């Protein structure tokens, strides 16, 4: 029986290069860019609704939520950036030869 992971050329990832590439080039950017944008947009919409209602209490609550969402957006952005940078640093430090078969070679091959 043919193993799905062995179809095509054997690479540094043992056939998992497309999955690692999706994580590195697809998932990280969505987490790093998309989630903060959504958080900021939701906070802005909440604040807009509160301003339209003309209730000072609701405006203050919406401002507090917007500030919290800005902080959460910054944290998500920097955590995703930190993980990506650490993975690149560790992967670069692990390159002892061109035929590295560990996860370092796999991470570098995906990029």
C-alpha atoms as a PDB file:
ATOM      1  CA  UNK A   1       0.000   0.000   0.000  1.00  0.00           C
ATOM      2  CA  UNK A   2       1.286   3.439  -0.901  1.00  0.00           C
ATOM      3  CA  UNK A   3       1.942   5.768   2.027  1.00  0.00           C
ATOM      4  CA  UNK A   4       0.617   9.309   1.502  1.00  0.00           C
ATOM      5  CA  UNK A   5       3.640  10.850   3.175  1.00  0.00           C
ATOM      6  CA  UNK A   6       6.031   9.166   0.754  1.00  0.00           C
ATOM      7  CA  UNK A   7       4.380  10.324  -2.462  1.00  0.00           C
ATOM      8  CA  UNK A   8       6.753  12.500  -4.460  1.00  0.00           C
ATOM      9  CA  UNK A   9      10.297  13.413  -3.579  1.00  0.00           C
ATOM     10  CA  UNK A  10      11.575  12.860  -0.058  1.00  0.00           C
ATOM     11  CA  UNK A  11      12.341  16.237   1.454  1.00  0.00           C
ATOM     12  CA  UNK A  12      13.662  17.476   4.789  1.00  0.00           C
ATOM     13  CA  UNK A  13      10.190  17.105   6.269  1.00  0.00           C
ATOM     14  CA  UNK A  14       9.660  13.501   5.286  1.00  0.00           C
ATOM     15  CA  UNK A  15       6.726  14.447   3.064  1.00  0.00           C
ATOM     16  CA  UNK A  16       5.197  16.982   5.458  1.00  0.00           C
ATOM     17  CA  UNK A  17       6.632  20.052   3.718  1.00  0.00           C
ATOM     18  CA  UNK A  18       3.224  21.254   2.419  1.00  0.00           C
ATOM     19  CA  UNK A  19       1.787  21.177   5.944  1.00  0.00           C
ATOM     20  CA  UNK A  20       4.762  23.024   7.435  1.00  0.00           C
ATOM     21  CA  UNK A  21       4.577  25.557   4.600  1.00  0.00           C
ATOM     22  CA  UNK A  22       0.869  26.164   5.313  1.00  0.00           C
ATOM     23  CA  UNK A  23       1.684  26.744   8.973  1.00  0.00           C
ATOM     24  CA  UNK A  24       4.631  29.049   8.275  1.00  0.00           C
ATOM     25  CA  UNK A  25       3.227  30.987   5.314  1.00  0.00           C
ATOM     26  CA  UNK A  26      -0.512  30.724   5.973  1.00  0.00           C
ATOM     27  CA  UNK A  27      -1.376  30.220   9.631  1.00  0.00           C
ATOM     28  CA  UNK A  28       1.200  32.538  11.209  1.00  0.00           C
ATOM     29  CA  UNK A  29       0.272  35.536   9.008  1.00  0.00           C
ATOM     30  CA  UNK A  30      -3.436  34.996   9.685  1.00  0.00           C
ATOM     31  CA  UNK A  31      -2.805  34.910  13.433  1.00  0.00           C
ATOM     32  CA  UNK A  32      -0.323  37.766  13.318  1.00  0.00           C
ATOM     33  CA  UNK A  33      -2.274  40.144  11.069  1.00  0.00           C
ATOM     34  CA  UNK A  34      -5.874  38.949  10.844  1.00  0.00           C
ATOM     35  CA  UNK A  35      -6.765  38.516  14.501  1.00  0.00           C
ATOM     36  CA  UNK A  36      -5.508  41.982  15.569  1.00  0.00           C
ATOM     37  CA  UNK A  37      -7.418  43.613  12.699  1.00  0.00           C
ATOM     38  CA  UNK A  38     -10.619  41.812  13.698  1.00  0.00           C
ATOM     39  CA  UNK A  39     -10.167  42.796  17.356  1.00  0.00           C
ATOM     40  CA  UNK A  40      -9.630  46.447  16.487  1.00  0.00           C
ATOM     41  CA  UNK A  41     -12.600  46.491  14.086  1.00  0.00           C
ATOM     42  CA  UNK A  42     -14.897  44.943  16.705  1.00  0.00           C
ATOM     43  CA  UNK A  43     -13.776  47.505  19.278  1.00  0.00           C
ATOM     44  CA  UNK A  44     -14.351  50.332  16.832  1.00  0.00           C
ATOM     45  CA  UNK A  45     -17.843  49.056  16.007  1.00  0.00           C
ATOM     46  CA  UNK A  46     -18.686  48.818  19.717  1.00  0.00           C
ATOM     47  CA  UNK A  47     -17.456  52.353  20.282  1.00  0.00           C
ATOM     48  CA  UNK A  48     -19.416  53.618  17.281  1.00  0.00           C
ATOM     49  CA  UNK A  49     -22.609  52.043  18.587  1.00  0.00           C
ATOM     50  CA  UNK A  50     -22.037  53.600  22.008  1.00  0.00           C
ATOM     51  CA  UNK A  51     -21.395  57.060  20.522  1.00  0.00           C
ATOM     52  CA  UNK A  52     -24.544  56.834  18.415  1.00  0.00           C
ATOM     53  CA  UNK A  53     -26.593  55.907  21.494  1.00  0.00           C
ATOM     54  CA  UNK A  54     -25.350  59.121  23.204  1.00  0.00           C
ATOM     55  CA  UNK A  55     -25.124  57.416  26.603  1.00  0.00           C
ATOM     56  CA  UNK A  56     -22.011  58.509  28.504  1.00  0.00           C
ATOM     57  CA  UNK A  57     -21.879  55.284  30.529  1.00  0.00           C
ATOM     58  CA  UNK A  58     -21.940  53.135  27.383  1.00  0.00           C
ATOM     59  CA  UNK A  59     -19.282  55.324  25.737  1.00  0.00           C
ATOM     60  CA  UNK A  60     -16.948  54.884  28.752  1.00  0.00           C
ATOM     61  CA  UNK A  61     -17.506  51.100  28.744  1.00  0.00           C
ATOM     62  CA  UNK A  62     -16.902  50.934  24.989  1.00  0.00           C
ATOM     63  CA  UNK A  63     -13.698  52.960  25.362  1.00  0.00           C
ATOM     64  CA  UNK A  64     -12.481  50.518  28.011  1.00  0.00           C
ATOM     65  CA  UNK A  65     -13.285  47.546  25.766  1.00  0.00           C
ATOM     66  CA  UNK A  66     -11.546  49.225  22.825  1.00  0.00           C
ATOM     67  CA  UNK A  67      -8.386  49.807  24.867  1.00  0.00           C
ATOM     68  CA  UNK A  68      -8.427  46.188  26.055  1.00  0.00           C
ATOM     69  CA  UNK A  69      -8.832  44.974  22.488  1.00  0.00           C
ATOM     70  CA  UNK A  70      -5.915  47.141  21.357  1.00  0.00           C
ATOM     71  CA  UNK A  71      -3.778  45.548  24.066  1.00  0.00           C
ATOM     72  CA  UNK A  72      -4.946  42.046  23.111  1.00  0.00           C
ATOM     73  CA  UNK A  73      -4.267  42.774  19.438  1.00  0.00           C
ATOM     74  CA  UNK A  74      -0.735  43.949  20.241  1.00  0.00           C
ATOM     75  CA  UNK A  75      -0.113  40.862  22.385  1.00  0.00           C
ATOM     76  CA  UNK A  76      -1.336  38.496  19.663  1.00  0.00           C
ATOM     77  CA  UNK A  77       0.813  40.274  17.083  1.00  0.00           C
ATOM     78  CA  UNK A  78       3.956  40.167  19.203  1.00  0.00           C
ATOM     79  CA  UNK A  79       3.480  36.578  20.399  1.00  0.00           C
ATOM     80  CA  UNK A  80       3.085  35.358  16.808  1.00  0.00           C
ATOM     81  CA  UNK A  81       6.117  37.423  15.788  1.00  0.00           C
ATOM     82  CA  UNK A  82       8.149  36.088  18.704  1.00  0.00           C
ATOM     83  CA  UNK A  83       7.302  32.466  17.869  1.00  0.00           C
ATOM     84  CA  UNK A  84       8.231  32.993  14.223  1.00  0.00           C
ATOM     85  CA  UNK A  85      11.517  34.734  15.088  1.00  0.00           C
ATOM     86  CA  UNK A  86      12.464  32.064  17.634  1.00  0.00           C
ATOM     87  CA  UNK A  87      11.726  29.292  15.146  1.00  0.00           C
ATOM     88  CA  UNK A  88      13.932  31.024  12.551  1.00  0.00           C
ATOM     89  CA  UNK A  89      16.761  31.554  15.070  1.00  0.00           C
ATOM     90  CA  UNK A  90      16.696  27.959  16.245  1.00  0.00           C
ATOM     91  CA  UNK A  91      16.430  26.678  12.682  1.00  0.00           C
ATOM     92  CA  UNK A  92      19.416  28.773  11.578  1.00  0.00           C
ATOM     93  CA  UNK A  93      21.445  27.626  14.566  1.00  0.00           C
ATOM     94  CA  UNK A  94      20.671  24.014  13.750  1.00  0.00           C
ATOM     95  CA  UNK A  95      22.089  24.063  10.233  1.00  0.00           C
ATOM     96  CA  UNK A  96      25.258  22.058  10.509  1.00  0.00           C
ATOM     97  CA  UNK A  97      25.133  20.646   6.999  1.00  0.00           C
ATOM     98  CA  UNK A  98      22.986  21.026   3.899  1.00  0.00           C
ATOM     99  CA  UNK A  99      21.231  17.678   4.431  1.00  0.00           C
ATOM    100  CA  UNK A 100      19.749  18.370   7.839  1.00  0.00           C
ATOM    101  CA  UNK A 101      16.820  16.013   8.284  1.00  0.00           C
ATOM    102  CA  UNK A 102      15.477  17.395  11.563  1.00  0.00           C
ATOM    103  CA  UNK A 103      12.767  19.962  12.041  1.00  0.00           C
ATOM    104  CA  UNK A 104      15.309  22.728  11.446  1.00  0.00           C
ATOM    105  CA  UNK A 105      15.747  21.646   7.848  1.00  0.00           C
ATOM    106  CA  UNK A 106      12.035  21.269   7.476  1.00  0.00           C
ATOM    107  CA  UNK A 107      11.348  24.779   8.825  1.00  0.00           C
ATOM    108  CA  UNK A 108      13.994  26.292   6.534  1.00  0.00           C
ATOM    109  CA  UNK A 109      12.716  24.370   3.520  1.00  0.00           C
ATOM    110  CA  UNK A 110       9.194  25.721   4.085  1.00  0.00           C
ATOM    111  CA  UNK A 111      10.327  29.323   3.922  1.00  0.00           C
END
